[in-house]
Amino acid sequence: MADKYDVKRELPCYSASRGRFEVIDVPELNYCMAKAPAAEQVRFERLAEGRSVQTLHLGSYDHEGPTLARLHDECMPEHGFRFDGRHHEVYLGDPRRTAPEKLRTIIRQPVAPA
């Protein structure tokens, strides 16, 4: 029997800590990309994010605003970063099976020196 693949161990960019912002280098990877209202427009693309800041948000997707505000207004200026692309989210739970307060989402913002 083959060993179970652990994406968090193999790709540290898929492991984040709640309440802590981490500066990481994300390798170029393939993704299936979609937003819920546009699920019929799912696409498969290669994305090169590079230097990014990420954190783990625990809770409803509707309550990510304060976490994004801390990332943009506190963490990025503190590290001397500017935006280098749009933020995106990596959903680690299934909203059909997980209570909203237990959903886990990696929030990632590509950055560059200011």
N, C-alpha and C. Protein backbone atom coordinates (compact mmCIF):
# COMPACT_ATOMS: atom_id res chain seq x y z
N MET A 1 0.84 -1.18 0.00
CA MET A 1 0.00 0.00 0.00
C MET A 1 0.88 1.25 0.00
N ALA A 2 0.55 2.19 -0.84
CA ALA A 2 1.35 3.42 -0.96
C ALA A 2 1.15 4.31 0.26
N ASP A 3 2.22 5.04 0.61
CA ASP A 3 2.13 5.99 1.71
C ASP A 3 1.18 7.12 1.33
N LYS A 4 0.51 7.66 2.35
CA LYS A 4 -0.39 8.78 2.15
C LYS A 4 0.42 10.04 1.88
N TYR A 5 0.02 10.81 0.87
CA TYR A 5 0.71 12.05 0.52
C TYR A 5 0.27 13.15 1.47
N ASP A 6 1.21 13.81 2.11
CA ASP A 6 0.93 14.90 3.05
C ASP A 6 1.36 16.21 2.41
N VAL A 7 0.40 16.94 1.84
CA VAL A 7 0.71 18.18 1.11
C VAL A 7 1.35 19.22 2.04
N LYS A 8 0.96 19.23 3.32
CA LYS A 8 1.53 20.21 4.26
C LYS A 8 3.00 19.94 4.52
N ARG A 9 3.39 18.68 4.50
CA ARG A 9 4.80 18.35 4.72
C ARG A 9 5.61 18.57 3.43
N GLU A 10 5.04 18.22 2.30
CA GLU A 10 5.74 18.34 1.03
C GLU A 10 5.82 19.78 0.53
N LEU A 11 4.81 20.57 0.80
CA LEU A 11 4.75 21.96 0.34
C LEU A 11 4.40 22.86 1.52
N PRO A 12 5.40 23.42 2.20
CA PRO A 12 5.13 24.25 3.39
C PRO A 12 4.19 25.43 3.12
N CYS A 13 4.02 25.82 1.87
CA CYS A 13 3.10 26.92 1.58
C CYS A 13 1.65 26.53 1.83
N TYR A 14 1.38 25.27 2.15
CA TYR A 14 0.04 24.81 2.48
C TYR A 14 -0.13 24.58 3.97
N SER A 15 0.74 25.15 4.75
CA SER A 15 0.64 25.09 6.20
C SER A 15 0.79 26.52 6.71
N ALA A 16 -0.18 26.96 7.47
CA ALA A 16 -0.15 28.33 8.00
C ALA A 16 -0.61 28.30 9.45
N SER A 17 -0.22 29.31 10.20
CA SER A 17 -0.59 29.42 11.60
C SER A 17 -1.60 30.53 11.80
N ARG A 18 -2.60 30.24 12.61
CA ARG A 18 -3.62 31.24 12.90
C ARG A 18 -3.02 32.35 13.76
N GLY A 19 -3.31 33.60 13.38
CA GLY A 19 -2.85 34.74 14.17
C GLY A 19 -1.42 35.14 13.91
N ARG A 20 -0.73 34.43 13.03
CA ARG A 20 0.66 34.77 12.73
C ARG A 20 0.81 34.90 11.21
N PHE A 21 1.44 35.99 10.79
CA PHE A 21 1.69 36.20 9.36
C PHE A 21 3.10 35.71 9.05
N GLU A 22 3.22 34.92 7.99
CA GLU A 22 4.50 34.34 7.62
C GLU A 22 4.87 34.79 6.21
N VAL A 23 6.12 35.16 6.03
CA VAL A 23 6.64 35.49 4.70
C VAL A 23 7.18 34.20 4.12
N ILE A 24 6.68 33.82 2.95
CA ILE A 24 7.06 32.55 2.33
C ILE A 24 7.38 32.76 0.86
N ASP A 25 8.06 31.81 0.26
CA ASP A 25 8.27 31.78 -1.19
C ASP A 25 7.46 30.61 -1.73
N VAL A 26 6.46 30.91 -2.53
CA VAL A 26 5.56 29.89 -3.07
C VAL A 26 6.09 29.46 -4.43
N PRO A 27 6.33 28.16 -4.62
CA PRO A 27 6.79 27.70 -5.93
C PRO A 27 5.68 27.78 -6.96
N GLU A 28 6.04 27.77 -8.22
CA GLU A 28 5.06 27.75 -9.29
C GLU A 28 4.33 26.42 -9.24
N LEU A 29 2.99 26.47 -9.19
CA LEU A 29 2.17 25.26 -9.04
C LEU A 29 0.95 25.33 -9.94
N ASN A 30 0.34 24.18 -10.20
CA ASN A 30 -0.90 24.11 -10.95
C ASN A 30 -2.08 24.18 -9.98
N TYR A 31 -3.13 24.90 -10.38
CA TYR A 31 -4.31 25.08 -9.54
C TYR A 31 -5.57 24.93 -10.38
N CYS A 32 -6.64 24.43 -9.76
CA CYS A 32 -7.99 24.56 -10.29
C CYS A 32 -8.53 25.80 -9.61
N MET A 33 -8.95 26.79 -10.39
CA MET A 33 -9.36 28.07 -9.84
C MET A 33 -10.83 28.33 -10.12
N ALA A 34 -11.55 28.88 -9.07
CA ALA A 34 -12.96 29.22 -9.21
C ALA A 34 -13.35 30.15 -8.08
N LYS A 35 -14.42 30.94 -8.25
CA LYS A 35 -15.15 31.65 -7.19
C LYS A 35 -16.54 31.04 -7.19
N ALA A 36 -17.16 30.94 -5.97
CA ALA A 36 -18.43 30.22 -5.83
C ALA A 36 -19.49 30.64 -6.85
N PRO A 37 -19.73 31.95 -7.10
CA PRO A 37 -20.75 32.30 -8.09
C PRO A 37 -20.38 31.88 -9.51
N ALA A 38 -19.10 31.62 -9.74
CA ALA A 38 -18.66 31.29 -11.11
C ALA A 38 -18.14 29.86 -11.19
N ALA A 39 -18.72 28.95 -10.42
CA ALA A 39 -18.21 27.58 -10.37
C ALA A 39 -18.22 26.92 -11.76
N GLU A 40 -19.13 27.34 -12.61
CA GLU A 40 -19.17 26.75 -13.96
C GLU A 40 -17.99 27.21 -14.81
N GLN A 41 -17.23 28.19 -14.33
CA GLN A 41 -16.08 28.70 -15.06
C GLN A 41 -14.76 28.22 -14.47
N VAL A 42 -14.77 27.05 -13.82
CA VAL A 42 -13.55 26.49 -13.23
C VAL A 42 -12.51 26.35 -14.32
N ARG A 43 -11.28 26.71 -13.98
CA ARG A 43 -10.19 26.62 -14.96
C ARG A 43 -8.96 26.04 -14.29
N PHE A 44 -8.12 25.42 -15.07
CA PHE A 44 -6.87 24.84 -14.59
C PHE A 44 -5.74 25.70 -15.11
N GLU A 45 -4.95 26.28 -14.19
CA GLU A 45 -3.88 27.19 -14.58
C GLU A 45 -2.65 26.96 -13.74
N ARG A 46 -1.52 27.39 -14.27
CA ARG A 46 -0.27 27.40 -13.52
C ARG A 46 -0.10 28.81 -12.97
N LEU A 47 0.23 28.91 -11.67
CA LEU A 47 0.33 30.20 -11.02
C LEU A 47 1.70 30.32 -10.37
N ALA A 48 2.40 31.41 -10.65
CA ALA A 48 3.70 31.69 -10.04
C ALA A 48 3.51 32.86 -9.08
N GLU A 49 3.41 32.55 -7.79
CA GLU A 49 3.17 33.60 -6.80
C GLU A 49 4.45 34.21 -6.26
N GLY A 50 5.45 33.40 -6.03
CA GLY A 50 6.70 33.91 -5.48
C GLY A 50 6.54 34.37 -4.05
N ARG A 51 7.23 35.46 -3.70
CA ARG A 51 7.22 35.97 -2.33
C ARG A 51 5.80 36.36 -1.95
N SER A 52 5.34 35.84 -0.82
CA SER A 52 3.98 36.09 -0.36
C SER A 52 3.95 36.15 1.16
N VAL A 53 2.90 36.74 1.68
CA VAL A 53 2.63 36.69 3.12
C VAL A 53 1.33 35.91 3.26
N GLN A 54 1.31 34.98 4.23
CA GLN A 54 0.11 34.20 4.41
C GLN A 54 -0.18 34.01 5.89
N THR A 55 -1.45 33.69 6.15
CA THR A 55 -1.90 33.37 7.51
C THR A 55 -3.09 32.43 7.39
N LEU A 56 -3.43 31.82 8.50
CA LEU A 56 -4.59 30.93 8.56
C LEU A 56 -5.76 31.68 9.17
N HIS A 57 -6.87 31.70 8.45
CA HIS A 57 -8.12 32.27 8.98
C HIS A 57 -8.99 31.12 9.43
N LEU A 58 -9.47 31.19 10.66
CA LEU A 58 -10.39 30.19 11.19
C LEU A 58 -11.75 30.83 11.35
N GLY A 59 -12.73 30.28 10.65
CA GLY A 59 -14.08 30.81 10.75
C GLY A 59 -14.72 30.99 9.39
N SER A 60 -15.87 31.62 9.40
CA SER A 60 -16.66 31.85 8.19
C SER A 60 -15.90 32.67 7.17
N TYR A 61 -16.14 32.38 5.91
CA TYR A 61 -15.54 33.16 4.83
C TYR A 61 -15.98 34.62 4.92
N ASP A 62 -17.19 34.84 5.41
CA ASP A 62 -17.73 36.20 5.54
C ASP A 62 -17.00 37.04 6.58
N HIS A 63 -16.20 36.42 7.42
CA HIS A 63 -15.51 37.15 8.50
C HIS A 63 -14.01 37.28 8.26
N GLU A 64 -13.57 37.19 7.01
CA GLU A 64 -12.15 37.31 6.69
C GLU A 64 -11.66 38.75 6.66
N GLY A 65 -12.56 39.72 6.62
CA GLY A 65 -12.19 41.13 6.48
C GLY A 65 -11.16 41.62 7.48
N PRO A 66 -11.36 41.38 8.79
CA PRO A 66 -10.36 41.86 9.76
C PRO A 66 -8.98 41.21 9.58
N THR A 67 -8.94 39.95 9.17
CA THR A 67 -7.66 39.28 8.92
C THR A 67 -6.96 39.92 7.73
N LEU A 68 -7.71 40.18 6.67
CA LEU A 68 -7.14 40.86 5.49
C LEU A 68 -6.67 42.26 5.85
N ALA A 69 -7.44 42.96 6.66
CA ALA A 69 -7.04 44.32 7.06
C ALA A 69 -5.72 44.29 7.83
N ARG A 70 -5.56 43.34 8.75
CA ARG A 70 -4.29 43.23 9.49
C ARG A 70 -3.14 42.91 8.55
N LEU A 71 -3.38 42.00 7.59
CA LEU A 71 -2.34 41.65 6.62
C LEU A 71 -1.91 42.88 5.82
N HIS A 72 -2.90 43.59 5.28
CA HIS A 72 -2.62 44.74 4.41
C HIS A 72 -2.14 45.98 5.15
N ASP A 73 -2.74 46.26 6.31
CA ASP A 73 -2.47 47.52 7.00
C ASP A 73 -1.38 47.45 8.06
N GLU A 74 -1.09 46.25 8.56
CA GLU A 74 -0.08 46.11 9.61
C GLU A 74 1.13 45.30 9.13
N CYS A 75 0.89 44.09 8.70
CA CYS A 75 2.01 43.19 8.36
C CYS A 75 2.83 43.68 7.17
N MET A 76 2.15 44.03 6.07
CA MET A 76 2.89 44.44 4.87
C MET A 76 3.73 45.68 5.12
N PRO A 77 3.19 46.76 5.71
CA PRO A 77 4.03 47.93 5.98
C PRO A 77 5.18 47.61 6.95
N GLU A 78 4.91 46.77 7.93
CA GLU A 78 5.94 46.40 8.91
C GLU A 78 7.15 45.73 8.25
N HIS A 79 6.89 44.95 7.20
CA HIS A 79 7.96 44.26 6.48
C HIS A 79 8.45 45.03 5.26
N GLY A 80 7.89 46.21 5.00
CA GLY A 80 8.31 47.00 3.85
C GLY A 80 7.87 46.42 2.52
N PHE A 81 6.67 45.83 2.49
CA PHE A 81 6.15 45.21 1.28
C PHE A 81 5.06 46.06 0.65
N ARG A 82 4.90 45.87 -0.65
CA ARG A 82 3.78 46.43 -1.39
C ARG A 82 3.05 45.27 -2.06
N PHE A 83 1.87 45.53 -2.57
CA PHE A 83 1.10 44.50 -3.27
C PHE A 83 1.82 44.10 -4.55
N ASP A 84 1.82 42.80 -4.83
CA ASP A 84 2.39 42.30 -6.09
C ASP A 84 1.43 41.28 -6.68
N GLY A 85 0.18 41.66 -6.77
CA GLY A 85 -0.87 40.77 -7.26
C GLY A 85 -2.03 40.75 -6.28
N ARG A 86 -3.08 40.09 -6.67
CA ARG A 86 -4.28 40.01 -5.84
C ARG A 86 -4.14 38.91 -4.80
N HIS A 87 -4.73 39.12 -3.63
CA HIS A 87 -4.72 38.07 -2.61
C HIS A 87 -5.60 36.93 -3.09
N HIS A 88 -5.36 35.76 -2.58
CA HIS A 88 -6.28 34.67 -2.84
C HIS A 88 -6.36 33.76 -1.62
N GLU A 89 -7.26 32.83 -1.69
CA GLU A 89 -7.58 31.98 -0.56
C GLU A 89 -7.46 30.52 -0.94
N VAL A 90 -6.92 29.74 -0.03
CA VAL A 90 -6.80 28.29 -0.20
C VAL A 90 -7.72 27.69 0.84
N TYR A 91 -8.81 27.07 0.38
CA TYR A 91 -9.81 26.52 1.29
C TYR A 91 -9.40 25.13 1.73
N LEU A 92 -9.29 24.93 3.04
CA LEU A 92 -8.84 23.66 3.58
C LEU A 92 -9.99 22.81 4.13
N GLY A 93 -11.19 23.30 4.04
CA GLY A 93 -12.34 22.56 4.53
C GLY A 93 -13.45 22.55 3.51
N ASP A 94 -14.42 21.72 3.75
CA ASP A 94 -15.58 21.60 2.88
C ASP A 94 -16.76 22.29 3.56
N PRO A 95 -17.22 23.43 3.04
CA PRO A 95 -18.30 24.17 3.70
C PRO A 95 -19.61 23.39 3.76
N ARG A 96 -19.74 22.32 2.98
CA ARG A 96 -20.95 21.50 3.05
C ARG A 96 -20.93 20.58 4.26
N ARG A 97 -19.72 20.32 4.81
CA ARG A 97 -19.59 19.36 5.92
C ARG A 97 -19.01 19.97 7.19
N THR A 98 -18.57 21.21 7.13
CA THR A 98 -17.89 21.85 8.25
C THR A 98 -18.69 23.04 8.74
N ALA A 99 -18.83 23.15 10.04
CA ALA A 99 -19.52 24.32 10.61
C ALA A 99 -18.76 25.58 10.24
N PRO A 100 -19.45 26.68 9.94
CA PRO A 100 -18.76 27.91 9.51
C PRO A 100 -17.65 28.35 10.46
N GLU A 101 -17.85 28.22 11.76
CA GLU A 101 -16.84 28.67 12.72
C GLU A 101 -15.60 27.78 12.74
N LYS A 102 -15.66 26.62 12.08
CA LYS A 102 -14.51 25.71 12.04
C LYS A 102 -13.82 25.65 10.68
N LEU A 103 -14.30 26.44 9.71
CA LEU A 103 -13.66 26.45 8.40
C LEU A 103 -12.25 27.01 8.51
N ARG A 104 -11.32 26.41 7.77
CA ARG A 104 -9.92 26.87 7.77
C ARG A 104 -9.56 27.33 6.36
N THR A 105 -9.00 28.53 6.27
CA THR A 105 -8.64 29.12 4.98
C THR A 105 -7.26 29.76 5.09
N ILE A 106 -6.36 29.40 4.18
CA ILE A 106 -5.09 30.11 4.09
C ILE A 106 -5.33 31.35 3.24
N ILE A 107 -5.03 32.51 3.80
CA ILE A 107 -5.15 33.76 3.06
C ILE A 107 -3.73 34.15 2.65
N ARG A 108 -3.52 34.33 1.36
CA ARG A 108 -2.16 34.57 0.84
C ARG A 108 -2.16 35.82 -0.04
N GLN A 109 -1.16 36.68 0.19
CA GLN A 109 -1.00 37.92 -0.56
C GLN A 109 0.40 37.97 -1.18
N PRO A 110 0.52 37.90 -2.52
CA PRO A 110 1.83 38.11 -3.15
C PRO A 110 2.35 39.52 -2.85
N VAL A 111 3.63 39.63 -2.55
CA VAL A 111 4.24 40.91 -2.16
C VAL A 111 5.57 41.13 -2.87
N ALA A 112 6.02 42.38 -2.84
CA ALA A 112 7.33 42.76 -3.35
C ALA A 112 7.85 43.88 -2.45
N PRO A 113 9.17 44.13 -2.45
CA PRO A 113 9.69 45.23 -1.65
C PRO A 113 9.07 46.56 -2.07
N ALA A 114 8.77 47.40 -1.08
CA ALA A 114 8.15 48.70 -1.38
C ALA A 114 9.14 49.63 -2.03
